[in-house]
Amino acid sequence: MISYFETYLKLSGYDISHATQKLNLIQSLSPEEFRKCQDNKKWDIASYHYENNPFYRKKVGNNFPSKWDDLPIMEKSDFQNDLEKLFSKGYNRKNTYFANTSGSSGQPLYFAKDKEAHAMDWALIKDRYSWHGLKLNSKQARFYGIPHEKWSYRKEKVKDLLMNRIRFSVFDLSDNILQEYLIKFKHIKFQFIYGYTNSIVMFARYLIRKKIVLNNICQTLKCCITTSEVLTIEDRELLLRAFGVKVVNEYGVSEAGQMAIENNQGDWLLADEISNIELIEDESGKINGTDYGRIVITDLDNKAMPFIRYNIGDLGIISKELSENGKNRKLEKLLGRENDNIYLPSGKVSPGFTLYYVSRSILESTGVLKEYIIRQTKLDEFIFEVVTNEPLTEYQENDIKKKVEIYLEPGLNLVINRVEKIVRPPSGKIKHFHSEIS
């Protein structure tokens, strides 16, 4: 039976039934045919925009290259120009899916997708959810942000109603609010949790303090899907312990849709059916001795705007092994935002989530530390803002400083400030680390 949301999509011009047929056809191809199809589609969409988008033609130059690597890398800044000049011929705000990113990276932008491309996004999500026994209208507990502007707020609430989801605001995660959330799980037959990793982890920590396993009181719960923020091994173990159901890690990008999601074997499969995903190395090519690259994507279906070799701004590692079907590649690791690396006086570069390990022992062993963010204000200075049940002891502060020396390097200046709450940005997302140095 088709869901209300799928009916809404179709009435809005997003033919998910047709998109599902297209997706099934792509998935039925042999591995060799699959790769040939993807190669053809990436050239077709790049050629389309070169012929139909003056902005992209100017970016590429007078001659369309014969080598894929000779096409320019598109940056977020390229799309932060006059919007009307970014559309390809025949497309505008009224006949496309038009939206904007949250701006959590510091670079918000507006973007558009033609309706067939957006339908393909939803067809892929429907397919991936089916791996975990879920449908697009499965009852969802959504830990997410919501815009405060009246029209945008109402629009999101209507989507929540159509998609059979209840939204748990992430802007206030104090214990009394989390207790209200827990009561909802006692009375509503949720099938899955979805949302920002850090917010869901906060709820999980609350449950552990209360010695509650969520699946014991909400037995319809099947899984928890985390998105937007890096999920560490320790976070996953904590969620498993608190919820009693499997944890599925998703990697999504507003401009491009779902980029990867875990299957039942724990493989983080890329959305190779609808996207061409590349890793582009920088000059060093390594972080702490680990091979990585900038994640660059080409939307294979979007004719409205030229997201061709588009630098998302994230760093990652793609496995050399393919999935069991011999087609989809695996995202091995997501290192986080490119602009959230730690740069040190010695010249060493570390990913921002390295600092997670600095505070992990206090988080797990004492239960004192509830939430924190870390800001790098100078090459040699880090400011820890911590929310704690009680002041940190001198031993605990010294323990943090010792771990900073182990994971980063000696001689750094650490400032530890106890605060009442962590102020969340408008998107609701929160990052444990961000850099304030250029």
Protein backbone atom coordinates (compact mmCIF):
# COMPACT_ATOMS: atom_id res chain seq x y z
CA MET A 1 0.00 0.00 0.00
CA ILE A 2 1.41 3.38 -1.04
CA SER A 3 2.03 5.77 1.88
CA TYR A 4 0.57 9.25 2.30
CA PHE A 5 4.04 10.66 1.80
CA GLU A 6 4.58 8.83 -1.49
CA THR A 7 1.17 10.08 -2.65
CA TYR A 8 2.20 13.61 -1.65
CA LEU A 9 5.47 13.25 -3.57
CA LYS A 10 3.66 12.10 -6.70
CA LEU A 11 1.06 14.90 -6.50
CA SER A 12 3.93 17.38 -6.11
CA GLY A 13 5.55 16.16 -9.33
CA TYR A 14 8.05 13.72 -7.82
CA ASP A 15 7.17 10.42 -9.48
CA ILE A 16 8.70 8.00 -6.99
CA SER A 17 7.15 4.98 -8.71
CA HIS A 18 8.94 5.78 -11.96
CA ALA A 19 12.13 6.58 -10.03
CA THR A 20 11.92 3.23 -8.24
CA GLN A 21 11.65 1.45 -11.61
CA LYS A 22 14.73 3.33 -12.85
CA LEU A 23 16.64 2.44 -9.70
CA ASN A 24 15.67 -1.23 -9.96
CA LEU A 25 16.86 -1.30 -13.58
CA ILE A 26 20.24 0.14 -12.60
CA GLN A 27 20.58 -2.35 -9.75
CA SER A 28 19.75 -5.27 -12.06
CA LEU A 29 22.80 -4.59 -14.24
CA SER A 30 25.86 -6.80 -14.06
CA PRO A 31 28.91 -5.25 -12.33
CA GLU A 32 30.50 -4.44 -15.70
CA GLU A 33 27.27 -2.91 -17.05
CA PHE A 34 26.76 -1.03 -13.77
CA ARG A 35 30.15 0.67 -14.00
CA LYS A 36 29.68 1.45 -17.70
CA CYS A 37 26.26 2.94 -16.94
CA GLN A 38 27.70 5.15 -14.20
CA ASP A 39 30.55 6.30 -16.45
CA ASN A 40 28.13 7.15 -19.26
CA LYS A 41 25.79 9.00 -16.92
CA LYS A 42 28.53 11.16 -15.42
CA TRP A 43 29.65 12.27 -18.91
CA ASP A 44 26.03 12.79 -20.01
CA ILE A 45 25.20 15.07 -17.07
CA ALA A 46 28.45 17.04 -17.40
CA SER A 47 27.85 17.51 -21.15
CA TYR A 48 24.25 18.50 -20.50
CA HIS A 49 25.24 21.33 -18.18
CA TYR A 50 28.05 22.44 -20.49
CA GLU A 51 25.49 22.82 -23.29
CA ASN A 52 22.66 24.28 -21.18
CA ASN A 53 24.26 26.24 -18.36
CA PRO A 54 26.28 29.38 -19.24
CA PHE A 55 27.66 29.55 -15.71
CA TYR A 56 29.09 26.03 -15.94
CA ARG A 57 30.35 26.56 -19.51
CA LYS A 58 32.31 29.59 -18.29
CA LYS A 59 33.71 27.53 -15.41
CA VAL A 60 34.86 24.74 -17.76
CA GLY A 61 36.22 26.98 -20.52
CA ASN A 62 35.93 27.07 -24.28
CA ASN A 63 36.76 23.40 -24.83
CA PHE A 64 34.94 20.52 -23.17
CA PRO A 65 37.69 18.11 -21.98
CA SER A 66 38.02 14.47 -23.01
CA LYS A 67 39.49 13.46 -19.61
CA TRP A 68 37.21 13.47 -16.56
CA ASP A 69 39.97 14.74 -14.28
CA ASP A 70 40.29 17.86 -16.45
CA LEU A 71 36.81 19.03 -15.50
CA PRO A 72 36.99 21.72 -12.78
CA ILE A 73 36.23 21.03 -9.13
CA MET A 74 33.10 22.95 -8.13
CA GLU A 75 33.26 24.59 -4.69
CA LYS A 76 30.51 25.81 -2.37
CA SER A 77 31.59 29.36 -3.16
CA ASP A 78 30.70 28.74 -6.83
CA PHE A 79 27.07 28.28 -5.80
CA GLN A 80 26.94 31.32 -3.54
CA ASN A 81 26.39 33.67 -6.44
CA ASP A 82 23.34 35.09 -8.22
CA LEU A 83 20.89 32.17 -8.02
CA GLU A 84 19.20 32.92 -11.33
CA LYS A 85 22.52 32.45 -13.13
CA LEU A 86 23.06 28.99 -11.60
CA PHE A 87 20.03 27.31 -13.18
CA SER A 88 20.35 25.39 -16.41
CA LYS A 89 18.01 26.37 -19.27
CA GLY A 90 14.37 25.61 -18.58
CA TYR A 91 14.70 25.42 -14.80
CA ASN A 92 13.82 27.89 -12.06
CA ARG A 93 12.67 27.95 -8.44
CA LYS A 94 9.07 27.11 -9.35
CA ASN A 95 9.65 23.91 -11.33
CA THR A 96 12.36 22.35 -9.15
CA TYR A 97 12.89 21.09 -5.64
CA PHE A 98 14.42 24.21 -4.11
CA ALA A 99 16.06 24.25 -0.67
CA ASN A 100 19.06 25.39 1.30
CA THR A 101 21.75 23.80 3.44
CA SER A 102 21.78 24.31 7.19
CA GLY A 103 25.00 26.30 7.10
CA SER A 104 26.54 24.19 9.85
CA SER A 105 29.78 24.20 7.84
CA GLY A 106 29.80 28.00 7.89
CA GLN A 107 28.92 28.12 4.19
CA PRO A 108 25.13 27.92 3.72
CA LEU A 109 23.83 27.90 0.16
CA TYR A 110 20.63 27.53 -1.82
CA PHE A 111 20.35 24.72 -4.33
CA ALA A 112 17.88 23.17 -6.74
CA LYS A 113 17.16 19.69 -8.10
CA ASP A 114 14.93 18.82 -10.99
CA LYS A 115 11.94 16.80 -9.87
CA GLU A 116 13.08 13.51 -11.40
CA ALA A 117 16.43 13.77 -9.59
CA HIS A 118 14.71 14.46 -6.27
CA ALA A 119 12.41 11.49 -6.84
CA MET A 120 15.51 9.34 -7.38
CA ASP A 121 16.81 10.48 -3.99
CA TRP A 122 13.65 9.24 -2.31
CA ALA A 123 13.62 6.00 -4.30
CA LEU A 124 17.13 5.30 -3.04
CA ILE A 125 16.19 6.05 0.58
CA LYS A 126 13.16 3.77 0.26
CA ASP A 127 15.42 1.01 -1.08
CA ARG A 128 18.01 1.44 1.68
CA TYR A 129 15.43 1.58 4.46
CA SER A 130 14.01 -1.73 3.24
CA TRP A 131 17.34 -3.36 4.19
CA HIS A 132 16.40 -2.69 7.82
CA GLY A 133 12.72 -3.58 7.66
CA LEU A 134 11.62 0.04 7.38
CA LYS A 135 9.32 1.94 5.01
CA LEU A 136 9.18 5.65 4.25
CA ASN A 137 6.16 5.90 6.56
CA SER A 138 7.53 3.77 9.41
CA LYS A 139 6.93 5.54 12.73
CA GLN A 140 10.00 7.72 13.29
CA ALA A 141 11.37 9.49 16.36
CA ARG A 142 13.29 12.32 14.75
CA PHE A 143 16.04 14.07 16.74
CA TYR A 144 16.55 17.04 14.47
CA GLY A 145 16.50 20.80 14.18
CA ILE A 146 13.57 22.79 12.84
CA PRO A 147 13.49 26.31 11.35
CA HIS A 148 11.90 29.02 13.47
CA GLU A 149 10.46 31.07 10.59
CA LYS A 150 6.66 30.53 10.52
CA TRP A 151 6.31 29.29 6.93
CA SER A 152 9.34 27.00 7.09
CA TYR A 153 8.25 25.70 10.50
CA ARG A 154 4.75 24.86 9.28
CA LYS A 155 6.15 23.20 6.17
CA GLU A 156 8.34 20.91 8.27
CA LYS A 157 5.45 20.05 10.59
CA VAL A 158 3.30 19.06 7.59
CA LYS A 159 6.15 16.84 6.34
CA ASP A 160 6.38 15.29 9.80
CA LEU A 161 2.68 14.47 9.67
CA LEU A 162 2.87 13.01 6.15
CA MET A 163 5.97 10.96 6.97
CA ASN A 164 4.54 9.63 10.24
CA ARG A 165 7.33 11.07 12.35
CA ILE A 166 7.43 12.88 15.68
CA ARG A 167 10.13 15.50 16.01
CA PHE A 168 12.23 15.75 19.16
CA SER A 169 13.78 19.20 19.23
CA VAL A 170 17.54 19.16 19.80
CA PHE A 171 17.79 22.76 20.96
CA ASP A 172 17.19 21.86 24.61
CA LEU A 173 18.44 18.50 25.86
CA SER A 174 18.25 19.12 29.60
CA ASP A 175 17.20 16.20 31.80
CA ASN A 176 13.60 17.36 32.26
CA ILE A 177 13.17 17.55 28.46
CA LEU A 178 14.77 14.14 27.96
CA GLN A 179 12.36 12.73 30.56
CA GLU A 180 9.46 14.05 28.44
CA TYR A 181 10.99 12.34 25.39
CA LEU A 182 11.25 9.08 27.32
CA ILE A 183 7.55 9.24 28.24
CA LYS A 184 6.68 9.50 24.53
CA PHE A 185 8.58 6.28 23.85
CA LYS A 186 6.45 4.58 26.51
CA HIS A 187 3.21 5.50 24.73
CA ILE A 188 4.08 5.63 21.00
CA LYS A 189 5.03 2.61 18.88
CA PHE A 190 8.15 4.01 17.25
CA GLN A 191 9.91 1.77 14.73
CA PHE A 192 13.14 3.71 14.44
CA ILE A 193 15.10 6.68 15.74
CA TYR A 194 16.68 9.06 13.24
CA GLY A 195 18.75 12.18 13.75
CA TYR A 196 21.92 13.98 14.71
CA THR A 197 24.45 11.67 16.28
CA ASN A 198 25.38 13.94 19.17
CA SER A 199 21.77 14.62 20.17
CA ILE A 200 20.87 10.92 20.12
CA VAL A 201 23.99 10.16 22.17
CA MET A 202 22.83 12.71 24.75
CA PHE A 203 19.50 10.87 25.05
CA ALA A 204 21.34 7.55 25.32
CA ARG A 205 23.53 8.83 28.15
CA TYR A 206 20.40 9.93 29.99
CA LEU A 207 18.92 6.43 29.63
CA ILE A 208 22.11 4.83 30.92
CA ARG A 209 22.09 7.09 33.96
CA LYS A 210 18.48 6.00 34.57
CA LYS A 211 19.45 2.33 33.99
CA ILE A 212 16.85 2.04 31.22
CA VAL A 213 17.11 0.06 27.98
CA LEU A 214 14.78 1.79 25.53
CA ASN A 215 13.71 -1.35 23.66
CA ASN A 216 12.33 -2.75 26.92
CA ILE A 217 9.74 0.01 27.08
CA CYS A 218 9.28 0.54 23.33
CA GLN A 219 9.36 -2.99 21.94
CA THR A 220 8.40 -1.94 18.40
CA LEU A 221 11.76 -0.17 18.03
CA LYS A 222 13.89 -1.81 15.30
CA CYS A 223 16.94 0.40 14.84
CA CYS A 224 18.58 3.77 15.30
CA ILE A 225 19.88 5.68 12.26
CA THR A 226 22.51 8.33 12.98
CA THR A 227 23.37 11.07 10.53
CA SER A 228 25.07 14.48 10.04
CA GLU A 229 27.75 14.12 12.71
CA VAL A 230 30.59 11.59 12.97
CA LEU A 231 29.64 8.37 14.77
CA THR A 232 32.60 6.99 16.73
CA ILE A 233 33.05 3.37 17.80
CA GLU A 234 32.41 4.45 21.38
CA ASP A 235 29.20 6.27 20.41
CA ARG A 236 27.93 3.16 18.65
CA GLU A 237 28.61 0.96 21.68
CA LEU A 238 26.85 3.44 23.94
CA LEU A 239 23.77 3.58 21.66
CA LEU A 240 23.58 -0.21 21.48
CA ARG A 241 23.72 -0.38 25.26
CA ALA A 242 21.07 2.30 25.79
CA PHE A 243 18.60 1.38 23.04
CA GLY A 244 18.99 -2.40 22.72
CA VAL A 245 18.61 -2.25 18.92
CA LYS A 246 21.05 -2.11 16.01
CA VAL A 247 22.69 1.18 15.05
CA VAL A 248 22.84 2.16 11.38
CA ASN A 249 25.18 4.94 10.29
CA GLU A 250 24.08 7.21 7.44
CA TYR A 251 26.09 9.81 5.54
CA GLY A 252 23.92 12.42 3.89
CA VAL A 253 24.51 15.73 2.15
CA SER A 254 21.72 18.27 1.71
CA GLU A 255 22.71 19.15 -1.83
CA ALA A 256 23.13 15.56 -2.99
CA GLY A 257 20.97 13.35 -0.77
CA GLN A 258 22.02 10.14 0.93
CA MET A 259 25.65 9.36 0.10
CA ALA A 260 26.07 6.17 2.12
CA ILE A 261 24.28 3.97 4.65
CA GLU A 262 25.20 0.75 6.41
CA ASN A 263 23.69 -2.56 5.37
CA ASN A 264 23.01 -5.48 7.70
CA GLN A 265 26.62 -6.64 7.39
CA GLY A 266 27.87 -3.27 8.67
CA ASP A 267 29.26 -2.20 5.29
CA TRP A 268 28.83 1.52 4.65
CA LEU A 269 27.67 1.31 1.02
CA LEU A 270 27.94 4.35 -1.24
CA ALA A 271 25.00 5.54 -3.34
CA ASP A 272 26.79 4.67 -6.59
CA GLU A 273 23.42 4.22 -8.36
CA ILE A 274 22.72 7.98 -8.31
CA SER A 275 26.09 9.62 -7.61
CA ASN A 276 29.65 9.49 -8.86
CA ILE A 277 31.79 9.82 -5.75
CA GLU A 278 35.53 10.54 -5.94
CA LEU A 279 38.32 11.12 -3.46
CA ILE A 280 40.71 13.92 -4.36
CA GLU A 281 43.97 13.99 -2.43
CA ASP A 282 45.49 17.25 -1.28
CA GLU A 283 49.20 17.95 -1.35
CA SER A 284 49.99 15.86 1.72
CA GLY A 285 47.44 13.10 1.09
CA LYS A 286 47.60 11.87 4.68
CA ILE A 287 46.30 12.70 8.14
CA ASN A 288 48.31 11.06 10.91
CA GLY A 289 49.70 8.65 8.34
CA THR A 290 46.25 7.62 7.06
CA ASP A 291 45.33 7.85 3.38
CA TYR A 292 42.31 10.06 2.83
CA GLY A 293 40.81 12.40 0.29
CA ARG A 294 38.38 15.23 -0.18
CA ILE A 295 34.95 13.83 -1.07
CA VAL A 296 33.86 15.12 -4.47
CA ILE A 297 30.47 14.14 -5.92
CA THR A 298 28.64 14.35 -9.22
CA ASP A 299 24.86 14.12 -9.06
CA LEU A 300 24.10 11.82 -12.00
CA ASP A 301 20.47 12.95 -12.41
CA ASN A 302 20.27 16.62 -11.46
CA LYS A 303 19.71 18.77 -14.55
CA ALA A 304 18.68 21.90 -12.66
CA MET A 305 22.11 22.89 -11.30
CA PRO A 306 25.62 21.70 -12.20
CA PHE A 307 26.75 19.71 -9.17
CA ILE A 308 29.58 18.25 -11.23
CA ARG A 309 32.74 17.20 -9.34
CA TYR A 310 31.39 19.17 -6.38
CA ASN A 311 33.63 19.39 -3.32
CA ILE A 312 31.35 18.61 -0.38
CA GLY A 313 33.99 19.74 2.11
CA ASP A 314 34.30 16.41 3.92
CA LEU A 315 37.29 14.10 4.22
CA GLY A 316 36.97 10.36 3.92
CA ILE A 317 38.44 7.01 2.97
CA ILE A 318 36.86 4.66 0.41
CA SER A 319 37.65 0.98 0.71
CA LYS A 320 39.30 -0.83 -2.19
CA GLU A 321 36.88 -3.71 -1.64
CA LEU A 322 33.47 -3.73 -3.31
CA SER A 323 30.22 -4.84 -1.71
CA GLU A 324 28.95 -8.39 -2.10
CA ASN A 325 27.09 -7.44 -5.28
CA GLY A 326 30.38 -6.36 -6.89
CA LYS A 327 28.93 -2.93 -7.69
CA ASN A 328 28.67 -0.53 -4.78
CA ARG A 329 31.83 0.73 -3.12
CA LYS A 330 32.23 1.07 0.63
CA LEU A 331 32.89 4.23 2.59
CA GLU A 332 35.51 3.04 5.05
CA LYS A 333 35.76 6.12 7.22
CA LEU A 334 34.43 9.67 7.41
CA LEU A 335 36.93 12.03 8.97
CA GLY A 336 34.66 15.06 9.17
CA ARG A 337 34.78 18.53 7.71
CA GLU A 338 37.85 19.54 5.75
CA ASN A 339 37.92 22.88 7.57
CA ASP A 340 37.75 21.25 11.01
CA ASN A 341 41.19 19.74 11.14
CA ILE A 342 43.58 20.51 13.99
CA TYR A 343 46.72 22.34 12.89
CA LEU A 344 49.51 22.35 15.47
CA PRO A 345 52.69 24.43 16.02
CA SER A 346 54.87 21.46 15.00
CA GLY A 347 53.16 21.28 11.61
CA LYS A 348 51.21 18.14 12.55
CA VAL A 349 47.63 17.85 11.24
CA SER A 350 44.98 15.77 13.04
CA PRO A 351 41.24 15.31 12.41
CA GLY A 352 39.03 17.21 14.85
CA PHE A 353 37.43 14.09 16.29
CA THR A 354 40.83 13.14 17.76
CA LEU A 355 39.85 15.29 20.73
CA TYR A 356 36.92 12.98 21.40
CA TYR A 357 39.37 10.49 22.86
CA VAL A 358 40.73 13.12 25.20
CA SER A 359 37.42 13.37 27.05
CA ARG A 360 36.20 9.82 26.56
CA SER A 361 37.57 8.44 29.81
CA ILE A 362 35.79 11.10 31.87
CA LEU A 363 32.58 10.67 29.87
CA GLU A 364 32.53 6.91 30.32
CA SER A 365 34.12 6.34 33.71
CA THR A 366 32.75 9.09 35.95
CA GLY A 367 29.54 10.25 34.28
CA VAL A 368 30.43 13.79 35.38
CA LEU A 369 30.88 15.22 31.89
CA LYS A 370 27.53 15.51 30.09
CA GLU A 371 28.42 17.54 27.01
CA TYR A 372 31.30 19.55 25.62
CA ILE A 373 32.71 21.46 22.68
CA ILE A 374 36.33 22.32 22.00
CA ARG A 375 37.46 25.41 20.10
CA GLN A 376 40.94 25.97 18.72
CA THR A 377 41.55 29.70 19.00
CA LYS A 378 45.28 29.73 18.23
CA LEU A 379 47.79 27.21 16.91
CA ASP A 380 48.73 26.38 20.50
CA GLU A 381 45.47 27.17 22.33
CA PHE A 382 42.30 25.11 22.87
CA ILE A 383 39.26 26.15 24.88
CA PHE A 384 37.14 23.36 26.39
CA GLU A 385 33.55 24.32 27.22
CA VAL A 386 32.07 21.58 29.40
CA VAL A 387 28.66 20.88 30.92
CA THR A 388 29.12 18.84 34.09
CA ASN A 389 27.02 17.67 37.02
CA GLU A 390 29.70 19.01 39.33
CA PRO A 391 33.00 20.86 38.93
CA LEU A 392 35.87 18.86 37.46
CA THR A 393 38.48 17.87 39.98
CA GLU A 394 42.11 18.87 39.61
CA TYR A 395 42.86 15.22 38.80
CA GLN A 396 40.30 15.20 36.00
CA GLU A 397 41.61 18.44 34.50
CA ASN A 398 45.16 17.11 34.62
CA ASP A 399 43.96 13.89 33.00
CA ILE A 400 42.55 15.90 30.07
CA LYS A 401 45.85 17.75 29.71
CA LYS A 402 47.85 14.52 29.72
CA LYS A 403 45.65 13.03 27.02
CA VAL A 404 46.03 16.15 24.89
CA GLU A 405 49.80 15.62 25.05
CA ILE A 406 49.39 11.97 24.04
CA TYR A 407 46.97 12.49 21.16
CA LEU A 408 48.27 15.84 19.92
CA GLU A 409 51.57 17.17 21.28
CA PRO A 410 53.11 18.72 24.42
CA GLY A 411 53.27 22.42 25.17
CA LEU A 412 49.70 23.36 24.24
CA ASN A 413 47.66 25.83 26.27
CA LEU A 414 44.35 24.40 27.50
CA VAL A 415 41.55 26.51 28.98
CA ILE A 416 38.72 24.53 30.61
CA ASN A 417 35.51 26.49 31.19
CA ARG A 418 32.49 24.98 32.94
CA VAL A 419 29.24 26.27 31.37
CA GLU A 420 25.55 25.68 32.12
CA LYS A 421 24.63 24.65 28.58
CA ILE A 422 26.06 24.37 25.09
CA VAL A 423 24.42 26.90 22.79
CA ARG A 424 23.38 25.17 19.57
CA PRO A 425 23.43 26.86 16.16
CA PRO A 426 20.20 27.47 14.21
CA SER A 427 20.52 24.10 12.45
CA GLY A 428 20.57 22.24 15.77
CA LYS A 429 23.73 20.41 14.78
CA ILE A 430 26.67 20.52 17.13
CA LYS A 431 30.28 19.60 16.54
CA HIS A 432 32.58 18.57 19.34
CA PHE A 433 35.42 20.49 17.73
CA HIS A 434 35.71 23.51 15.48
CA SER A 435 38.61 25.65 14.52
CA GLU A 436 38.66 29.42 14.75
CA ILE A 437 42.04 29.82 13.09
CA SER A 438 42.39 30.49 9.38
